[in-house]
Amino acid sequence: MANRVTKDTIIMDALRMNEGTAKFFLEIGMHCLGCPSASGESIAEACAVHGEDADALVERINAFLAENE
């Protein structure tokens, strides 16, 4: 079964699925991927803080993960 993220996925878990997912977070201004927040913050929570659309980010990450299985 493919790796997939949801809005509830912790950022660090997404990064562990594939390090390439980092680019999607960096592109929308989430530059602190190594900070404690990345270890405990969900994609939805981070998007809320950064004023981004969590559904759009999840869709982009899942498309990337599917392409890179």
PDB file of N, CA and C in Angstrom:
ATOM      1  N   MET A   1       0.832  -1.182   0.000  1.00  0.00           N
ATOM      2  CA  MET A   1       0.000   0.000   0.000  1.00  0.00           C
ATOM      3  C   MET A   1       0.879   1.250   0.000  1.00  0.00           C
ATOM      4  N   ALA A   2       0.456   2.242  -0.740  1.00  0.00           N
ATOM      5  CA  ALA A   2       1.235   3.462  -0.893  1.00  0.00           C
ATOM      6  C   ALA A   2       1.220   4.290   0.380  1.00  0.00           C
ATOM      7  N   ASN A   3       2.313   5.017   0.576  1.00  0.00           N
ATOM      8  CA  ASN A   3       2.339   6.003   1.654  1.00  0.00           C
ATOM      9  C   ASN A   3       1.430   7.144   1.254  1.00  0.00           C
ATOM     10  N   ARG A   4       0.620   7.593   2.189  1.00  0.00           N
ATOM     11  CA  ARG A   4      -0.275   8.722   1.947  1.00  0.00           C
ATOM     12  C   ARG A   4      -0.320   9.568   3.207  1.00  0.00           C
ATOM     13  N   VAL A   5      -0.502  10.852   3.004  1.00  0.00           N
ATOM     14  CA  VAL A   5      -0.657  11.747   4.138  1.00  0.00           C
ATOM     15  C   VAL A   5      -2.091  12.264   4.173  1.00  0.00           C
ATOM     16  N   THR A   6      -2.482  12.734   5.336  1.00  0.00           N
ATOM     17  CA  THR A   6      -3.755  13.423   5.527  1.00  0.00           C
ATOM     18  C   THR A   6      -3.438  14.740   6.224  1.00  0.00           C
ATOM     19  N   LYS A   7      -4.452  15.543   6.434  1.00  0.00           N
ATOM     20  CA  LYS A   7      -4.237  16.805   7.146  1.00  0.00           C
ATOM     21  C   LYS A   7      -3.791  16.548   8.578  1.00  0.00           C
ATOM     22  N   ASP A   8      -4.076  15.365   9.107  1.00  0.00           N
ATOM     23  CA  ASP A   8      -3.696  15.028  10.480  1.00  0.00           C
ATOM     24  C   ASP A   8      -2.297  14.435  10.593  1.00  0.00           C
ATOM     25  N   THR A   9      -1.647  14.198   9.464  1.00  0.00           N
ATOM     26  CA  THR A   9      -0.299  13.628   9.478  1.00  0.00           C
ATOM     27  C   THR A   9       0.666  14.637  10.095  1.00  0.00           C
ATOM     28  N   ILE A  10       1.506  14.143  10.984  1.00  0.00           N
ATOM     29  CA  ILE A  10       2.548  14.975  11.590  1.00  0.00           C
ATOM     30  C   ILE A  10       3.605  15.249  10.517  1.00  0.00           C
ATOM     31  N   ILE A  11       4.081  16.482  10.459  1.00  0.00           N
ATOM     32  CA  ILE A  11       5.045  16.863   9.425  1.00  0.00           C
ATOM     33  C   ILE A  11       6.241  15.919   9.400  1.00  0.00           C
ATOM     34  N   MET A  12       6.791  15.593  10.545  1.00  0.00           N
ATOM     35  CA  MET A  12       7.966  14.724  10.597  1.00  0.00           C
ATOM     36  C   MET A  12       7.656  13.343  10.015  1.00  0.00           C
ATOM     37  N   ASP A  13       6.438  12.865  10.200  1.00  0.00           N
ATOM     38  CA  ASP A  13       6.054  11.570   9.626  1.00  0.00           C
ATOM     39  C   ASP A  13       6.041  11.638   8.107  1.00  0.00           C
ATOM     40  N   ALA A  14       5.582  12.750   7.558  1.00  0.00           N
ATOM     41  CA  ALA A  14       5.606  12.932   6.099  1.00  0.00           C
ATOM     42  C   ALA A  14       7.042  12.941   5.592  1.00  0.00           C
ATOM     43  N   LEU A  15       7.914  13.605   6.313  1.00  0.00           N
ATOM     44  CA  LEU A  15       9.323  13.654   5.922  1.00  0.00           C
ATOM     45  C   LEU A  15       9.963  12.271   5.996  1.00  0.00           C
ATOM     46  N   ARG A  16       9.553  11.477   6.961  1.00  0.00           N
ATOM     47  CA  ARG A  16      10.094  10.113   7.084  1.00  0.00           C
ATOM     48  C   ARG A  16       9.612   9.215   5.946  1.00  0.00           C
ATOM     49  N   MET A  17       8.400   9.479   5.430  1.00  0.00           N
ATOM     50  CA  MET A  17       7.891   8.694   4.302  1.00  0.00           C
ATOM     51  C   MET A  17       8.779   8.880   3.079  1.00  0.00           C
ATOM     52  N   ASN A  18       9.203  10.126   2.860  1.00  0.00           N
ATOM     53  CA  ASN A  18      10.075  10.440   1.742  1.00  0.00           C
ATOM     54  C   ASN A  18      10.647  11.833   2.004  1.00  0.00           C
ATOM     55  N   GLU A  19      11.975  11.917   2.087  1.00  0.00           N
ATOM     56  CA  GLU A  19      12.623  13.199   2.371  1.00  0.00           C
ATOM     57  C   GLU A  19      12.282  14.254   1.323  1.00  0.00           C
ATOM     58  N   GLY A  20      11.910  13.820   0.127  1.00  0.00           N
ATOM     59  CA  GLY A  20      11.565  14.743  -0.941  1.00  0.00           C
ATOM     60  C   GLY A  20      10.340  15.579  -0.643  1.00  0.00           C
ATOM     61  N   THR A  21       9.547  15.160   0.344  1.00  0.00           N
ATOM     62  CA  THR A  21       8.364  15.954   0.696  1.00  0.00           C
ATOM     63  C   THR A  21       8.762  17.300   1.302  1.00  0.00           C
ATOM     64  N   ALA A  22       9.992  17.420   1.750  1.00  0.00           N
ATOM     65  CA  ALA A  22      10.451  18.673   2.365  1.00  0.00           C
ATOM     66  C   ALA A  22      10.241  19.866   1.437  1.00  0.00           C
ATOM     67  N   LYS A  23      10.436  19.668   0.138  1.00  0.00           N
ATOM     68  CA  LYS A  23      10.325  20.793  -0.790  1.00  0.00           C
ATOM     69  C   LYS A  23       8.939  21.433  -0.759  1.00  0.00           C
ATOM     70  N   PHE A  24       7.906  20.635  -0.523  1.00  0.00           N
ATOM     71  CA  PHE A  24       6.546  21.181  -0.498  1.00  0.00           C
ATOM     72  C   PHE A  24       6.329  22.077   0.720  1.00  0.00           C
ATOM     73  N   PHE A  25       6.927  21.686   1.826  1.00  0.00           N
ATOM     74  CA  PHE A  25       6.824  22.509   3.034  1.00  0.00           C
ATOM     75  C   PHE A  25       7.657  23.782   2.883  1.00  0.00           C
ATOM     76  N   LEU A  26       8.839  23.641   2.330  1.00  0.00           N
ATOM     77  CA  LEU A  26       9.711  24.801   2.144  1.00  0.00           C
ATOM     78  C   LEU A  26       9.092  25.810   1.181  1.00  0.00           C
ATOM     79  N   GLU A  27       8.450  25.330   0.122  1.00  0.00           N
ATOM     80  CA  GLU A  27       7.841  26.210  -0.877  1.00  0.00           C
ATOM     81  C   GLU A  27       6.762  27.115  -0.292  1.00  0.00           C
ATOM     82  N   ILE A  28       6.110  26.675   0.761  1.00  0.00           N
ATOM     83  CA  ILE A  28       5.040  27.503   1.332  1.00  0.00           C
ATOM     84  C   ILE A  28       5.482  28.207   2.619  1.00  0.00           C
ATOM     85  N   GLY A  29       6.787  28.233   2.851  1.00  0.00           N
ATOM     86  CA  GLY A  29       7.316  29.018   3.956  1.00  0.00           C
ATOM     87  C   GLY A  29       7.537  28.277   5.258  1.00  0.00           C
ATOM     88  N   MET A  30       7.403  26.973   5.232  1.00  0.00           N
ATOM     89  CA  MET A  30       7.674  26.173   6.436  1.00  0.00           C
ATOM     90  C   MET A  30       9.148  25.778   6.424  1.00  0.00           C
ATOM     91  N   HIS A  31       9.981  26.694   6.923  1.00  0.00           N
ATOM     92  CA  HIS A  31      11.424  26.500   6.839  1.00  0.00           C
ATOM     93  C   HIS A  31      12.024  25.813   8.057  1.00  0.00           C
ATOM     94  N   CYS A  32      11.245  25.583   9.063  1.00  0.00           N
ATOM     95  CA  CYS A  32      11.767  25.030  10.312  1.00  0.00           C
ATOM     96  C   CYS A  32      11.436  23.537  10.415  1.00  0.00           C
ATOM     97  N   LEU A  33      11.835  22.777   9.407  1.00  0.00           N
ATOM     98  CA  LEU A  33      11.462  21.360   9.386  1.00  0.00           C
ATOM     99  C   LEU A  33      12.177  20.533  10.447  1.00  0.00           C
ATOM    100  N   GLY A  34      13.265  21.029  10.969  1.00  0.00           N
ATOM    101  CA  GLY A  34      13.984  20.300  12.005  1.00  0.00           C
ATOM    102  C   GLY A  34      13.627  20.743  13.413  1.00  0.00           C
ATOM    103  N   CYS A  35      12.747  21.715  13.526  1.00  0.00           N
ATOM    104  CA  CYS A  35      12.414  22.240  14.851  1.00  0.00           C
ATOM    105  C   CYS A  35      11.409  21.336  15.559  1.00  0.00           C
ATOM    106  N   PRO A  36      11.241  21.507  16.850  1.00  0.00           N
ATOM    107  CA  PRO A  36      10.306  20.665  17.599  1.00  0.00           C
ATOM    108  C   PRO A  36       8.877  20.696  17.056  1.00  0.00           C
ATOM    109  N   SER A  37       8.467  21.811  16.475  1.00  0.00           N
ATOM    110  CA  SER A  37       7.103  21.885  15.943  1.00  0.00           C
ATOM    111  C   SER A  37       6.872  20.837  14.864  1.00  0.00           C
ATOM    112  N   ALA A  38       7.868  20.574  14.035  1.00  0.00           N
ATOM    113  CA  ALA A  38       7.715  19.594  12.959  1.00  0.00           C
ATOM    114  C   ALA A  38       7.492  18.196  13.517  1.00  0.00           C
ATOM    115  N   SER A  39       7.960  17.968  14.723  1.00  0.00           N
ATOM    116  CA  SER A  39       7.793  16.651  15.331  1.00  0.00           C
ATOM    117  C   SER A  39       6.433  16.468  15.987  1.00  0.00           C
ATOM    118  N   GLY A  40       5.714  17.553  16.204  1.00  0.00           N
ATOM    119  CA  GLY A  40       4.437  17.428  16.889  1.00  0.00           C
ATOM    120  C   GLY A  40       3.278  18.138  16.220  1.00  0.00           C
ATOM    121  N   GLU A  41       3.549  18.810  15.117  1.00  0.00           N
ATOM    122  CA  GLU A  41       2.513  19.607  14.466  1.00  0.00           C
ATOM    123  C   GLU A  41       1.999  18.880  13.225  1.00  0.00           C
ATOM    124  N   SER A  42       0.692  18.874  13.073  1.00  0.00           N
ATOM    125  CA  SER A  42       0.101  18.239  11.889  1.00  0.00           C
ATOM    126  C   SER A  42       0.216  19.175  10.693  1.00  0.00           C
ATOM    127  N   ILE A  43       0.007  18.613   9.513  1.00  0.00           N
ATOM    128  CA  ILE A  43      -0.003  19.422   8.300  1.00  0.00           C
ATOM    129  C   ILE A  43      -1.070  20.508   8.419  1.00  0.00           C
ATOM    130  N   ALA A  44      -2.255  20.153   8.907  1.00  0.00           N
ATOM    131  CA  ALA A  44      -3.336  21.138   9.046  1.00  0.00           C
ATOM    132  C   ALA A  44      -2.947  22.261   9.997  1.00  0.00           C
ATOM    133  N   GLU A  45      -2.336  21.921  11.125  1.00  0.00           N
ATOM    134  CA  GLU A  45      -1.938  22.938  12.098  1.00  0.00           C
ATOM    135  C   GLU A  45      -0.887  23.878  11.508  1.00  0.00           C
ATOM    136  N   ALA A  46       0.077  23.300  10.819  1.00  0.00           N
ATOM    137  CA  ALA A  46       1.128  24.117  10.218  1.00  0.00           C
ATOM    138  C   ALA A  46       0.564  25.020   9.127  1.00  0.00           C
ATOM    139  N   CYS A  47      -0.343  24.496   8.323  1.00  0.00           N
ATOM    140  CA  CYS A  47      -0.959  25.298   7.263  1.00  0.00           C
ATOM    141  C   CYS A  47      -1.774  26.449   7.863  1.00  0.00           C
ATOM    142  N   ALA A  48      -2.449  26.202   8.967  1.00  0.00           N
ATOM    143  CA  ALA A  48      -3.227  27.254   9.615  1.00  0.00           C
ATOM    144  C   ALA A  48      -2.309  28.388  10.072  1.00  0.00           C
ATOM    145  N   VAL A  49      -1.177  28.032  10.641  1.00  0.00           N
ATOM    146  CA  VAL A  49      -0.224  29.032  11.122  1.00  0.00           C
ATOM    147  C   VAL A  49       0.357  29.830   9.956  1.00  0.00           C
ATOM    148  N   HIS A  50       0.601  29.152   8.838  1.00  0.00           N
ATOM    149  CA  HIS A  50       1.244  29.784   7.690  1.00  0.00           C
ATOM    150  C   HIS A  50       0.255  30.321   6.662  1.00  0.00           C
ATOM    151  N   GLY A  51      -1.046  30.218   6.948  1.00  0.00           N
ATOM    152  CA  GLY A  51      -2.049  30.745   6.041  1.00  0.00           C
ATOM    153  C   GLY A  51      -2.116  30.010   4.712  1.00  0.00           C
ATOM    154  N   GLU A  52      -1.914  28.705   4.746  1.00  0.00           N
ATOM    155  CA  GLU A  52      -1.917  27.893   3.527  1.00  0.00           C
ATOM    156  C   GLU A  52      -3.102  26.937   3.521  1.00  0.00           C
ATOM    157  N   ASP A  53      -3.443  26.428   2.354  1.00  0.00           N
ATOM    158  CA  ASP A  53      -4.542  25.487   2.164  1.00  0.00           C
ATOM    159  C   ASP A  53      -4.039  24.063   2.417  1.00  0.00           C
ATOM    160  N   ALA A  54      -4.466  23.473   3.520  1.00  0.00           N
ATOM    161  CA  ALA A  54      -4.008  22.135   3.891  1.00  0.00           C
ATOM    162  C   ALA A  54      -4.435  21.085   2.874  1.00  0.00           C
ATOM    163  N   ASP A  55      -5.647  21.195   2.342  1.00  0.00           N
ATOM    164  CA  ASP A  55      -6.114  20.215   1.358  1.00  0.00           C
ATOM    165  C   ASP A  55      -5.240  20.235   0.115  1.00  0.00           C
ATOM    166  N   ALA A  56      -4.878  21.410  -0.346  1.00  0.00           N
ATOM    167  CA  ALA A  56      -4.030  21.527  -1.538  1.00  0.00           C
ATOM    168  C   ALA A  56      -2.649  20.946  -1.273  1.00  0.00           C
ATOM    169  N   LEU A  57      -2.098  21.208  -0.099  1.00  0.00           N
ATOM    170  CA  LEU A  57      -0.775  20.686   0.236  1.00  0.00           C
ATOM    171  C   LEU A  57      -0.810  19.168   0.329  1.00  0.00           C
ATOM    172  N   VAL A  58      -1.809  18.615   0.978  1.00  0.00           N
ATOM    173  CA  VAL A  58      -1.950  17.160   1.093  1.00  0.00           C
ATOM    174  C   VAL A  58      -2.041  16.529  -0.299  1.00  0.00           C
ATOM    175  N   GLU A  59      -2.806  17.151  -1.179  1.00  0.00           N
ATOM    176  CA  GLU A  59      -2.953  16.625  -2.537  1.00  0.00           C
ATOM    177  C   GLU A  59      -1.615  16.612  -3.276  1.00  0.00           C
ATOM    178  N   ARG A  60      -0.869  17.682  -3.157  1.00  0.00           N
ATOM    179  CA  ARG A  60       0.445  17.753  -3.821  1.00  0.00           C
ATOM    180  C   ARG A  60       1.417  16.723  -3.254  1.00  0.00           C
ATOM    181  N   ILE A  61       1.439  16.580  -1.936  1.00  0.00           N
ATOM    182  CA  ILE A  61       2.353  15.614  -1.318  1.00  0.00           C
ATOM    183  C   ILE A  61       1.968  14.197  -1.718  1.00  0.00           C
ATOM    184  N   ASN A  62       0.687  13.882  -1.688  1.00  0.00           N
ATOM    185  CA  ASN A  62       0.265  12.521  -2.059  1.00  0.00           C
ATOM    186  C   ASN A  62       0.563  12.213  -3.517  1.00  0.00           C
ATOM    187  N   ALA A  63       0.431  13.185  -4.406  1.00  0.00           N
ATOM    188  CA  ALA A  63       0.788  12.971  -5.811  1.00  0.00           C
ATOM    189  C   ALA A  63       2.280  12.669  -5.927  1.00  0.00           C
ATOM    190  N   PHE A  64       3.091  13.405  -5.186  1.00  0.00           N
ATOM    191  CA  PHE A  64       4.540  13.173  -5.175  1.00  0.00           C
ATOM    192  C   PHE A  64       4.854  11.775  -4.640  1.00  0.00           C
ATOM    193  N   LEU A  65       4.238  11.410  -3.532  1.00  0.00           N
ATOM    194  CA  LEU A  65       4.495  10.091  -2.940  1.00  0.00           C
ATOM    195  C   LEU A  65       4.108   8.971  -3.904  1.00  0.00           C
ATOM    196  N   ALA A  66       2.981   9.129  -4.596  1.00  0.00           N
ATOM    197  CA  ALA A  66       2.532   8.105  -5.547  1.00  0.00           C
ATOM    198  C   ALA A  66       3.523   7.969  -6.702  1.00  0.00           C
ATOM    199  N   GLU A  67       4.084   9.075  -7.149  1.00  0.00           N
ATOM    200  CA  GLU A  67       5.052   9.059  -8.253  1.00  0.00           C
ATOM    201  C   GLU A  67       6.382   8.460  -7.834  1.00  0.00           C
ATOM    202  N   ASN A  68       6.680   8.478  -6.562  1.00  0.00           N
ATOM    203  CA  ASN A  68       8.006   8.078  -6.074  1.00  0.00           C
ATOM    204  C   ASN A  68       7.968   6.830  -5.199  1.00  0.00           C
ATOM    205  N   GLU A  69       7.022   5.955  -5.455  1.00  0.00           N
ATOM    206  CA  GLU A  69       6.936   4.712  -4.682  1.00  0.00           C
ATOM    207  C   GLU A  69       8.048   3.776  -5.099  1.00  0.00           C
TER     208      GLU A  69
END
